[in-house]
Protein backbone atom coordinates (compact mmCIF):
# COMPACT_ATOMS: atom_id res chain seq x y z
CA MET A 1 54.79 -62.15 -279.76
CA GLN A 2 53.97 -58.44 -279.74
CA VAL A 3 51.89 -57.39 -282.87
CA GLY A 4 50.52 -53.89 -283.77
CA GLY A 5 46.86 -53.18 -283.81
CA ALA A 6 46.58 -53.79 -287.51
CA ALA A 7 48.42 -56.88 -287.30
CA ALA A 8 46.61 -58.16 -284.24
CA ALA A 9 43.22 -57.63 -286.05
CA GLY A 10 44.32 -59.30 -289.06
CA ARG A 11 45.52 -62.15 -286.88
CA SER A 12 41.92 -62.28 -285.08
CA LEU A 13 40.17 -62.38 -288.30
CA LEU A 14 42.69 -65.25 -289.52
CA ARG A 15 41.81 -67.16 -286.40
CA ILE A 16 37.86 -66.72 -286.97
CA MET A 17 38.22 -67.93 -290.50
CA LEU A 18 40.31 -70.79 -289.52
CA LEU A 19 37.90 -71.80 -286.73
CA ILE A 20 34.96 -71.62 -289.32
CA ARG A 21 36.77 -73.80 -291.78
CA LEU A 22 38.18 -76.42 -289.33
CA VAL A 23 34.80 -76.53 -287.69
CA GLU A 24 32.96 -77.42 -290.69
CA GLU A 25 35.24 -79.70 -291.96
CA ARG A 26 35.08 -81.71 -288.70
CA ILE A 27 31.00 -81.59 -289.00
CA GLY A 28 31.58 -83.10 -292.54
CA GLU A 29 33.49 -85.73 -290.95
CA LEU A 30 30.91 -86.52 -288.37
CA VAL A 31 28.08 -86.29 -290.90
CA SER A 32 29.95 -88.85 -293.01
CA ALA A 33 30.50 -91.15 -289.96
CA GLY A 34 26.81 -90.97 -289.28
CA GLU A 35 27.26 -89.27 -286.00
CA ILE A 36 25.27 -86.03 -287.03
CA LYS A 37 22.04 -86.75 -288.59
CA THR A 38 20.79 -83.04 -289.25
CA PRO A 39 21.25 -81.68 -292.60
CA CYS A 40 24.28 -79.55 -292.80
CA HIS A 41 25.13 -76.60 -295.21
CA LEU A 42 28.80 -76.05 -295.28
CA SER A 43 30.25 -72.72 -296.19
CA ILE A 44 33.79 -73.83 -296.68
CA GLY A 45 35.61 -71.61 -299.12
CA GLN A 46 33.49 -68.53 -297.98
CA GLU A 47 34.81 -67.77 -294.57
CA ALA A 48 36.07 -64.45 -295.35
CA ILE A 49 32.60 -63.00 -295.85
CA ALA A 50 31.39 -63.92 -292.31
CA ALA A 51 34.49 -63.03 -290.62
CA GLY A 52 35.14 -59.83 -292.32
CA VAL A 53 31.55 -58.39 -291.93
CA CYS A 54 31.36 -59.30 -288.49
CA ALA A 55 34.54 -57.74 -287.65
CA ALA A 56 32.76 -54.55 -288.66
CA LEU A 57 29.81 -55.02 -286.03
CA SER A 58 29.41 -54.25 -282.52
CA ARG A 59 27.89 -56.86 -280.09
CA GLN A 60 24.47 -55.10 -280.27
CA ASP A 61 24.34 -55.01 -283.84
CA THR A 62 22.13 -57.92 -285.36
CA VAL A 63 22.88 -60.67 -287.70
CA TRP A 64 20.35 -62.62 -289.72
CA GLY A 65 21.39 -65.82 -291.29
CA GLY A 66 19.96 -68.40 -293.54
CA HIS A 67 20.65 -72.33 -294.04
CA ARG A 68 24.29 -71.88 -294.39
CA SER A 69 25.05 -69.92 -291.27
CA HIS A 70 27.77 -71.91 -289.14
CA GLY A 71 30.20 -69.14 -289.78
CA HIS A 72 27.92 -66.33 -289.13
CA TYR A 73 27.08 -67.74 -285.80
CA LEU A 74 30.96 -68.32 -285.02
CA ALA A 75 32.02 -64.82 -286.33
CA LYS A 76 29.29 -63.07 -284.14
CA GLY A 77 30.71 -64.77 -281.03
CA GLY A 78 28.25 -67.52 -280.69
CA ASP A 79 29.57 -70.20 -278.30
CA LEU A 80 31.12 -73.16 -279.91
CA PRO A 81 30.19 -76.05 -277.68
CA GLU A 82 26.60 -74.93 -277.93
CA MET A 83 26.51 -75.07 -281.66
CA MET A 84 28.11 -78.42 -281.74
CA ALA A 85 25.43 -79.86 -279.36
CA GLU A 86 22.93 -78.39 -281.65
CA VAL A 87 24.30 -80.02 -284.66
CA PHE A 88 24.10 -83.27 -282.53
CA GLY A 89 20.49 -82.56 -281.52
CA ARG A 90 21.27 -82.20 -277.71
CA VAL A 91 19.55 -80.37 -275.17
CA THR A 92 22.62 -78.40 -274.34
CA GLY A 93 22.74 -76.94 -277.99
CA CYS A 94 21.97 -73.34 -278.74
CA SER A 95 18.41 -74.33 -279.71
CA LYS A 96 18.03 -76.87 -277.03
CA GLY A 97 18.40 -79.41 -279.70
CA ARG A 98 15.25 -78.45 -281.61
CA GLY A 99 17.06 -76.50 -284.43
CA GLY A 100 19.84 -78.53 -285.62
CA SER A 101 22.24 -76.98 -288.15
CA MET A 102 19.84 -74.36 -289.88
CA HIS A 103 18.29 -72.86 -286.65
CA LEU A 104 21.01 -71.43 -284.66
CA VAL A 105 20.68 -68.68 -282.00
CA ALA A 106 22.88 -66.44 -280.13
CA PRO A 107 20.60 -63.91 -278.74
CA ALA A 108 23.44 -62.47 -276.33
CA GLN A 109 25.41 -61.86 -279.44
CA GLY A 110 22.93 -60.45 -281.58
CA LEU A 111 22.11 -63.45 -283.42
CA TYR A 112 18.21 -64.08 -283.01
CA GLY A 113 17.91 -66.98 -285.41
CA THR A 114 18.94 -68.37 -288.60
CA VAL A 115 16.13 -69.38 -291.22
CA PRO A 116 16.46 -71.93 -293.81
CA LEU A 117 13.90 -70.68 -295.99
CA VAL A 118 15.50 -68.86 -299.23
CA GLY A 119 15.26 -64.87 -298.63
CA ALA A 120 13.45 -65.18 -295.19
CA THR A 121 16.14 -63.51 -293.16
CA ILE A 122 16.07 -60.24 -295.54
CA PRO A 123 12.72 -58.89 -294.14
CA LEU A 124 13.87 -59.84 -290.76
CA ALA A 125 16.81 -57.69 -290.90
CA VAL A 126 14.70 -54.87 -292.07
CA GLY A 127 12.41 -55.31 -289.26
CA ALA A 128 15.33 -55.04 -286.83
CA GLY A 129 16.78 -52.06 -288.51
CA LEU A 130 13.21 -50.38 -288.45
CA ALA A 131 13.12 -51.02 -284.55
CA SER A 132 16.41 -49.35 -283.95
CA LYS A 133 15.43 -46.23 -286.10
CA LEU A 134 12.22 -46.13 -284.05
CA ARG A 135 14.00 -46.52 -280.94
CA HIS A 136 16.84 -44.01 -281.76
CA GLU A 137 19.42 -46.95 -281.18
CA PRO A 138 22.60 -46.82 -283.14
CA HIS A 139 22.44 -50.59 -284.13
CA VAL A 140 22.82 -51.98 -287.34
CA ALA A 141 21.04 -55.08 -288.96
CA VAL A 142 22.71 -57.34 -291.22
CA ALA A 143 21.05 -59.86 -293.57
CA PHE A 144 23.21 -62.63 -295.18
CA PHE A 145 21.92 -64.47 -297.88
CA GLY A 146 23.05 -66.29 -301.37
CA ASP A 147 22.69 -65.19 -304.73
CA GLY A 148 19.48 -67.48 -305.13
CA ALA A 149 17.65 -65.30 -302.70
CA THR A 150 17.95 -62.17 -304.90
CA GLU A 151 15.35 -63.88 -307.25
CA GLU A 152 12.89 -63.88 -304.37
CA GLY A 153 10.36 -61.09 -303.86
CA HIS A 154 11.61 -60.54 -300.45
CA PHE A 155 14.76 -59.20 -301.68
CA HIS A 156 13.56 -56.63 -303.81
CA GLU A 157 10.59 -55.47 -301.30
CA SER A 158 13.08 -55.35 -298.59
CA LEU A 159 15.61 -53.07 -300.36
CA ASN A 160 12.96 -50.84 -301.56
CA LEU A 161 11.48 -50.44 -297.89
CA ALA A 162 15.06 -50.02 -296.23
CA ALA A 163 15.93 -47.52 -298.86
CA LEU A 164 12.58 -45.58 -298.65
CA TYR A 165 12.90 -45.01 -294.76
CA ARG A 166 16.70 -44.80 -294.70
CA LEU A 167 16.93 -48.08 -292.44
CA PRO A 168 20.37 -48.90 -290.99
CA VAL A 169 20.49 -52.42 -292.74
CA LEU A 170 23.42 -53.97 -294.65
CA PHE A 171 22.42 -56.55 -297.18
CA VAL A 172 25.27 -58.84 -297.84
CA CYS A 173 25.07 -61.27 -300.75
CA GLU A 174 27.33 -64.00 -300.61
CA ASN A 175 27.38 -64.73 -304.31
CA ASN A 176 28.78 -68.16 -304.76
CA PHE A 177 27.11 -68.66 -308.21
CA TYR A 178 24.77 -71.30 -307.46
CA SER A 179 21.35 -71.78 -306.12
CA THR A 180 21.22 -75.35 -304.97
CA HIS A 181 22.76 -76.73 -308.19
CA MET A 182 21.68 -74.37 -310.78
CA PRO A 183 24.43 -71.74 -311.74
CA LEU A 184 23.90 -68.05 -311.90
CA SER A 185 24.48 -68.20 -315.69
CA ALA A 186 21.26 -70.56 -316.04
CA ARG A 187 19.08 -68.30 -314.04
CA ARG A 188 19.66 -64.73 -315.30
CA LEU A 189 20.66 -63.00 -318.57
CA LYS A 190 23.23 -60.68 -316.56
CA ASP A 191 25.56 -61.18 -313.83
CA ASN A 192 24.33 -57.76 -312.10
CA ILE A 193 23.23 -58.49 -308.67
CA VAL A 194 24.70 -55.46 -307.40
CA GLN A 195 22.51 -53.08 -309.76
CA ALA A 196 19.64 -54.17 -307.52
CA ALA A 197 20.96 -51.28 -305.25
CA ASP A 198 20.46 -48.92 -307.90
CA ALA A 199 16.97 -49.63 -308.46
CA ALA A 200 16.12 -49.19 -304.80
CA GLY A 201 18.31 -46.01 -304.68
CA MET A 202 20.76 -47.19 -302.39
CA PRO A 203 24.72 -47.50 -302.52
CA GLY A 204 25.82 -51.08 -304.11
CA ILE A 205 29.33 -52.42 -303.71
CA ARG A 206 30.88 -55.32 -305.41
CA LEU A 207 33.77 -57.00 -303.44
CA ASP A 208 36.06 -59.81 -303.67
CA GLY A 209 34.36 -62.07 -301.21
CA ASN A 210 37.70 -64.23 -300.84
CA ASP A 211 39.54 -61.08 -299.51
CA ALA A 212 38.77 -60.83 -295.85
CA LEU A 213 40.39 -57.45 -295.62
CA ALA A 214 38.55 -55.91 -298.31
CA VAL A 215 35.23 -57.47 -297.02
CA ARG A 216 36.15 -55.99 -293.64
CA ASP A 217 36.91 -52.34 -294.79
CA GLY A 218 33.77 -52.25 -297.21
CA ALA A 219 31.42 -53.54 -294.42
CA THR A 220 33.10 -51.12 -291.98
CA GLN A 221 32.43 -48.20 -294.22
CA ALA A 222 28.79 -49.15 -294.78
CA VAL A 223 28.15 -49.88 -291.31
CA ALA A 224 29.42 -46.47 -290.20
CA GLN A 225 27.35 -44.88 -293.01
CA ALA A 226 24.17 -46.86 -291.64
CA ARG A 227 24.96 -45.89 -288.14
CA ALA A 228 25.18 -42.17 -288.86
CA GLY A 229 21.54 -42.32 -290.42
CA ALA A 230 22.69 -42.49 -294.32
CA GLY A 231 20.76 -45.75 -294.84
CA PRO A 232 21.28 -48.86 -296.23
CA CYS A 233 23.76 -50.62 -298.29
CA LEU A 234 24.12 -53.78 -300.55
CA LEU A 235 27.31 -55.76 -300.61
CA GLU A 236 27.88 -58.33 -303.38
CA CYS A 237 30.65 -60.47 -302.16
CA ARG A 238 31.86 -62.84 -304.81
CA THR A 239 32.98 -66.20 -303.65
CA TYR A 240 32.77 -69.85 -304.31
CA ARG A 241 31.60 -72.75 -302.06
CA TRP A 242 33.77 -75.78 -302.28
CA ARG A 243 31.51 -78.37 -300.97
CA GLY A 244 28.19 -79.48 -302.33
CA HIS A 245 24.72 -77.71 -301.81
CA VAL A 246 24.30 -79.82 -298.60
CA GLY A 247 26.56 -82.34 -296.72
CA PRO A 248 30.48 -82.85 -296.94
CA ALA A 249 30.24 -83.89 -300.79
CA TRP A 250 31.99 -82.15 -303.29
CA ASP A 251 29.34 -82.57 -305.90
CA LEU A 252 31.85 -82.83 -308.79
CA GLU A 253 29.25 -84.49 -311.02
CA VAL A 254 26.93 -81.59 -310.74
CA GLY A 255 26.94 -79.51 -314.06
CA GLU A 256 29.47 -79.37 -316.50
CA ARG A 257 31.69 -76.82 -315.13
CA ARG A 258 31.83 -77.74 -311.59
CA ARG A 259 35.31 -79.61 -311.59
CA SER A 260 36.88 -76.81 -313.71
CA GLU A 261 35.38 -74.02 -311.48
CA LEU A 262 36.84 -75.56 -308.18
CA ASP A 263 40.29 -75.93 -310.00
CA GLU A 264 39.97 -71.93 -310.47
CA TRP A 265 38.79 -71.17 -307.23
CA MET A 266 40.41 -73.53 -304.74
CA PRO A 267 44.07 -71.61 -305.31
CA LYS A 268 42.02 -68.41 -304.17
CA ASP A 269 41.64 -69.77 -300.73
CA PRO A 270 40.73 -66.83 -298.53
CA ILE A 271 42.60 -68.37 -295.47
CA LEU A 272 45.91 -68.85 -297.32
CA ARG A 273 45.49 -65.48 -298.97
CA LEU A 274 45.22 -63.57 -295.48
CA ARG A 275 47.98 -65.72 -294.16
CA ARG A 276 50.39 -64.55 -296.80
CA ARG A 277 49.31 -60.87 -296.38
CA LEU A 278 49.86 -61.31 -292.62
CA ILE A 279 53.25 -62.59 -293.20
CA GLU A 280 54.20 -59.89 -295.54
CA GLU A 281 53.18 -57.60 -292.96
CA GLY A 282 55.80 -58.93 -290.33
CA LEU A 283 53.64 -61.73 -288.33
CA SER A 284 55.88 -64.68 -287.73
CA VAL A 285 55.30 -68.13 -289.64
CA GLU A 286 55.49 -69.80 -286.04
CA ASP A 287 52.98 -67.55 -284.48
CA LEU A 288 50.40 -68.07 -287.31
CA ASP A 289 51.29 -71.98 -287.34
CA ALA A 290 50.37 -72.12 -283.56
CA LEU A 291 46.45 -71.08 -284.60
CA GLU A 292 45.61 -74.26 -286.09
CA PRO A 293 46.40 -76.76 -283.26
CA ALA A 294 44.62 -74.39 -280.67
CA VAL A 295 41.43 -74.34 -282.85
CA ARG A 296 41.63 -77.92 -283.25
CA GLY A 297 41.66 -78.41 -279.45
CA GLU A 298 38.63 -76.12 -278.77
CA ILE A 299 36.71 -77.84 -281.74
CA GLU A 300 37.57 -81.36 -280.27
CA ALA A 301 36.54 -80.24 -276.68
CA ALA A 302 33.06 -79.01 -278.16
CA VAL A 303 32.69 -82.38 -279.70
CA THR A 304 33.28 -84.40 -276.68
CA PHE A 305 30.70 -81.72 -274.84
CA ALA A 306 28.13 -82.40 -277.42
CA ARG A 307 28.67 -86.32 -277.31
CA GLU A 308 28.29 -86.43 -273.68
CA SER A 309 25.08 -84.03 -273.43
CA PRO A 310 21.82 -85.70 -273.28
CA LEU A 311 19.41 -85.92 -276.07
CA PRO A 312 16.06 -84.18 -275.55
CA ASP A 313 13.46 -85.93 -273.55
CA ASP A 314 10.35 -87.55 -275.63
CA SER A 315 8.30 -85.80 -272.95
CA ASP A 316 9.28 -82.54 -274.43
CA LEU A 317 8.32 -83.07 -277.94
CA PHE A 318 5.37 -80.79 -278.16
CA ARG A 319 6.78 -78.01 -275.84
CA HIS A 320 6.60 -74.76 -277.78
CA VAL A 321 4.53 -76.13 -280.23
CA TYR A 322 1.04 -75.82 -278.65
CA ALA A 323 -0.16 -73.43 -276.00
CA PRO A 324 -0.42 -75.08 -272.71
CA ARG A 325 -4.01 -76.04 -271.78
CA ARG A 326 -5.58 -73.66 -269.01
CA THR A 327 -7.56 -75.13 -266.62
């Protein structure tokens, strides 16, 4: 089916979101079955943010993610079989089986590592932005982080430094209203994360994080301004993670409001929302229906690749840990 440029871009966005969702659902199944041992933090329900922001980036732009970064890796163009092998702990993984779910790398696509320490990716992105400015390169660095990271000193120091030197950095807060199991309302008096941008002297934009087109458009504007030398921007993308903090469980027993919040947020499914929008714009239901089986086939091929890949050899246990002895 021939589709126009805008519709084709929307269809590509939907495909990436489907890939993220279905990969993470499959990872959840494999964790439950005991095949995957590494802790896995799933972003099911938040797919529009990774897909929308990365749609605004070039391959040379860098992305810095945290512990919940399968979506960032895939949206930036990371290799699916290598990611699955990494989650399985195999030597064919993107980190050679040493990192697991929380330490993903895809340098050729501008993802130089995800870091599970809360807030740790934020200054890394600022460093990448500073390097781009010093080298006079038109590259933008993006830090993805959750609302809990905004309570770390790294966050405020990084915003201040990036604003002071007008660095090409995009700070993307994926505000899912929880830090582990503690809701935002129990951690701060005001729901005002976006106002941290005012204190630093940079633009701050609050977006509906379940609207992939709104995220893409907001990120596109912020990236263009950063690339042109106008400095950094903070995007607060409001969303909700459907699964628990870690693993495939739903964590319905956590807190008093978790069950009712899910009932409120699941009808706002970002994938169904974009699908409806594309159908309204003329894409056929049949064309969109064909995406899911194709994506599932890719995922099963990646699972097979991971299962058939060897585990790291015991002799490599201390490789990259200690400097080799010089004789």
